[in-house]
Amino acid sequence: MKNFTMEDEMKIKELFFQNVTLKEIGKRFDTTRYVIGRIAKNKGWSRPRKASKYVFDADKFEIVDTEEKAYWLGFLAADGCNFVRENSSYVILTAGEKDIERLEAFKTFMNSNVNIQEMPTVGFSSEDKKVYRIVFNSVKLSKDLEKIGIVRQKSLILKSPNIEDKFSLAFILGY
């Protein structure tokens, strides 16, 4: 990695916090955006992320304390996918055309304006002519679901979720 003077680092920091792109900063200092990004990370600099135009309740599954939450947890266990990563995690819920109203109901449950997307049906063994999904990008939501037992590749290792017994029937109905 290129060695920068203290003066260079101060100027890089100034540009970084003026929200100049990493690529542009890199050009000014004859290096790459990756090097600038590594400097920022090593120095502990961070910028606020752009506000998403999509909203939803990422805390919804922090505690499963209602039958409704247990029901939707079951639905996620059956038809959902949870990718947990350190900086970018997401939850995907998929349904066929005949079950699109369940995706709409889940969207409402999540207090969300996230779009339901039509997906190509290639690779799906479904009688439905169309397949739909809704995607929630949230490290918080993914990690909360992971704590409960909704993990990546859950169909191979799914166990009873970590919820109170009184909500087990609602979970099964959702599943």
Protein backbone atom coordinates (compact mmCIF):
# COMPACT_ATOMS: atom_id res chain seq x y z
CA MET A 1 0.00 0.00 0.00
CA LYS A 2 1.21 3.47 -0.85
CA ASN A 3 2.64 5.48 2.04
CA PHE A 4 0.83 8.74 2.69
CA THR A 5 2.13 11.75 4.57
CA MET A 6 0.28 13.08 7.58
CA GLU A 7 -0.82 15.97 5.38
CA ASP A 8 -2.17 13.53 2.76
CA GLU A 9 -4.09 11.64 5.41
CA MET A 10 -5.62 14.84 6.75
CA LYS A 11 -6.74 15.82 3.24
CA ILE A 12 -8.11 12.28 2.60
CA LYS A 13 -10.05 12.52 5.87
CA GLU A 14 -11.42 15.93 4.95
CA LEU A 15 -12.58 14.68 1.53
CA PHE A 16 -13.98 11.50 3.07
CA PHE A 17 -16.19 13.45 5.46
CA GLN A 18 -17.27 15.80 2.67
CA ASN A 19 -18.77 12.65 1.10
CA VAL A 20 -16.44 12.70 -1.89
CA THR A 21 -16.51 9.21 -3.40
CA LEU A 22 -13.69 6.83 -2.57
CA LYS A 23 -12.99 6.53 -6.29
CA GLU A 24 -12.57 10.30 -6.65
CA ILE A 25 -10.34 10.51 -3.57
CA GLY A 26 -8.26 7.67 -4.97
CA LYS A 27 -7.83 9.50 -8.28
CA ARG A 28 -6.64 12.63 -6.47
CA PHE A 29 -3.99 10.61 -4.62
CA ASP A 30 -3.05 8.28 -7.49
CA THR A 31 -4.39 5.16 -5.83
CA THR A 32 -7.53 3.02 -5.84
CA ARG A 33 -10.80 3.37 -4.00
CA TYR A 34 -9.97 0.13 -2.19
CA VAL A 35 -6.85 1.67 -0.66
CA ILE A 36 -8.82 4.74 0.43
CA GLY A 37 -11.53 2.47 1.87
CA ARG A 38 -8.92 0.49 3.80
CA ILE A 39 -7.43 3.69 5.21
CA ALA A 40 -10.89 4.84 6.34
CA LYS A 41 -11.62 1.47 7.92
CA ASN A 42 -8.25 1.33 9.70
CA LYS A 43 -8.74 4.87 11.04
CA GLY A 44 -12.28 4.04 12.20
CA TRP A 45 -13.89 6.62 9.93
CA SER A 46 -17.45 6.00 8.88
CA ARG A 47 -20.07 7.95 7.05
CA PRO A 48 -23.77 7.63 7.61
CA ARG A 49 -25.37 5.32 5.09
CA LYS A 50 -27.79 6.79 2.64
CA ALA A 51 -31.30 6.56 3.95
CA SER A 52 -33.19 3.84 2.19
CA LYS A 53 -36.42 4.68 0.46
CA TYR A 54 -37.76 1.40 1.81
CA VAL A 55 -38.90 1.05 5.40
CA PHE A 56 -39.82 -1.89 7.60
CA ASP A 57 -39.72 -2.89 11.26
CA ALA A 58 -36.30 -4.56 11.57
CA ASP A 59 -36.96 -5.18 15.28
CA LYS A 60 -40.11 -7.25 14.64
CA PHE A 61 -38.50 -10.59 15.61
CA GLU A 62 -36.26 -9.31 18.40
CA ILE A 63 -38.71 -11.01 20.76
CA VAL A 64 -41.34 -13.48 19.59
CA ASP A 65 -44.05 -12.63 22.08
CA THR A 66 -47.27 -12.98 20.06
CA GLU A 67 -48.96 -15.72 18.07
CA GLU A 68 -48.82 -13.50 15.00
CA LYS A 69 -45.02 -13.25 15.22
CA ALA A 70 -44.78 -17.03 15.75
CA TYR A 71 -47.01 -17.64 12.71
CA TRP A 72 -44.82 -15.47 10.47
CA LEU A 73 -41.71 -17.07 11.91
CA GLY A 74 -43.13 -20.42 10.75
CA PHE A 75 -43.81 -18.98 7.31
CA LEU A 76 -40.21 -17.74 7.13
CA ALA A 77 -38.98 -21.17 8.23
CA ALA A 78 -40.94 -22.78 5.40
CA ASP A 79 -40.55 -20.33 2.53
CA GLY A 80 -37.89 -17.85 3.63
CA CYS A 81 -34.17 -17.52 3.31
CA ASN A 82 -31.87 -15.77 5.78
CA PHE A 83 -28.40 -14.70 4.63
CA VAL A 84 -26.44 -13.41 7.61
CA ARG A 85 -23.23 -11.54 6.92
CA GLU A 86 -21.30 -9.07 9.04
CA ASN A 87 -22.09 -5.93 7.03
CA SER A 88 -24.84 -6.90 4.60
CA SER A 89 -27.53 -9.37 5.50
CA TYR A 90 -30.95 -9.98 4.05
CA VAL A 91 -34.09 -11.99 4.49
CA ILE A 92 -36.01 -13.22 1.45
CA LEU A 93 -39.52 -14.60 1.48
CA THR A 94 -40.73 -16.35 -1.68
CA ALA A 95 -44.21 -17.47 -2.73
CA GLY A 96 -45.99 -18.67 -5.83
CA GLU A 97 -48.69 -16.72 -7.60
CA LYS A 98 -51.47 -18.41 -5.62
CA ASP A 99 -49.85 -17.27 -2.33
CA ILE A 100 -48.97 -13.68 -3.25
CA GLU A 101 -51.58 -12.41 -0.77
CA ARG A 102 -49.49 -14.03 2.00
CA LEU A 103 -46.51 -11.92 0.88
CA GLU A 104 -48.75 -8.85 0.96
CA ALA A 105 -49.90 -9.79 4.47
CA PHE A 106 -46.29 -10.29 5.60
CA LYS A 107 -45.38 -6.91 4.10
CA THR A 108 -48.18 -5.34 6.16
CA PHE A 109 -47.06 -7.23 9.27
CA MET A 110 -43.55 -5.80 8.80
CA ASN A 111 -44.96 -2.24 8.43
CA SER A 112 -43.17 -2.10 5.11
CA ASN A 113 -43.21 -0.37 1.77
CA VAL A 114 -40.70 -2.82 0.23
CA ASN A 115 -41.73 -3.92 -3.27
CA ILE A 116 -42.81 -7.47 -3.97
CA GLN A 117 -40.83 -8.55 -7.03
CA GLU A 118 -41.71 -11.05 -9.73
CA MET A 119 -38.94 -13.58 -10.24
CA PRO A 120 -38.02 -15.78 -13.18
CA THR A 121 -39.49 -19.25 -12.65
CA VAL A 122 -36.44 -21.01 -14.07
CA GLY A 123 -35.23 -23.54 -11.51
CA PHE A 124 -38.49 -23.53 -9.53
CA SER A 125 -40.49 -26.73 -9.40
CA SER A 126 -43.77 -24.95 -8.95
CA GLU A 127 -47.16 -25.32 -10.54
CA ASP A 128 -47.48 -21.56 -10.28
CA LYS A 129 -46.82 -19.69 -13.48
CA LYS A 130 -45.24 -16.84 -11.53
CA VAL A 131 -43.06 -16.70 -8.44
CA TYR A 132 -42.71 -13.63 -6.22
CA ARG A 133 -40.37 -12.51 -3.48
CA ILE A 134 -39.91 -9.76 -0.96
CA VAL A 135 -36.40 -8.88 0.26
CA PHE A 136 -35.52 -7.12 3.51
CA ASN A 137 -31.92 -5.88 3.76
CA SER A 138 -31.12 -5.75 7.46
CA VAL A 139 -28.30 -7.10 9.59
CA LYS A 140 -30.51 -6.61 12.67
CA LEU A 141 -33.45 -8.59 11.29
CA SER A 142 -31.18 -11.37 10.00
CA LYS A 143 -29.31 -11.73 13.29
CA ASP A 144 -32.54 -11.73 15.32
CA LEU A 145 -33.92 -14.52 13.12
CA GLU A 146 -30.64 -16.42 13.39
CA LYS A 147 -30.84 -16.30 17.22
CA ILE A 148 -34.32 -17.84 17.04
CA GLY A 149 -33.16 -20.61 14.69
CA ILE A 150 -33.93 -19.32 11.18
CA VAL A 151 -30.48 -19.79 9.67
CA ARG A 152 -28.97 -20.08 6.21
CA GLN A 153 -29.68 -23.45 4.58
CA LYS A 154 -32.19 -24.12 7.35
CA SER A 155 -33.98 -26.80 5.34
CA LEU A 156 -31.00 -29.08 6.02
CA ILE A 157 -30.69 -28.32 9.75
CA LEU A 158 -33.93 -26.69 10.96
CA LYS A 159 -34.73 -27.40 14.60
CA SER A 160 -37.56 -26.18 16.80
CA PRO A 161 -37.29 -22.40 17.05
CA ASN A 162 -36.22 -20.74 20.26
CA ILE A 163 -39.70 -19.49 21.25
CA GLU A 164 -42.06 -20.05 24.17
CA ASP A 165 -44.06 -23.32 24.01
CA LYS A 166 -47.36 -21.44 24.02
CA PHE A 167 -46.48 -20.10 20.53
CA SER A 168 -45.54 -23.49 19.01
CA LEU A 169 -48.93 -24.11 17.41
CA ALA A 170 -48.91 -20.70 15.70
CA PHE A 171 -45.41 -21.47 14.38
CA ILE A 172 -46.61 -24.81 12.98
CA LEU A 173 -49.64 -23.17 11.34
CA GLY A 174 -47.32 -20.69 9.62
CA TYR A 175 -45.05 -23.48 8.50
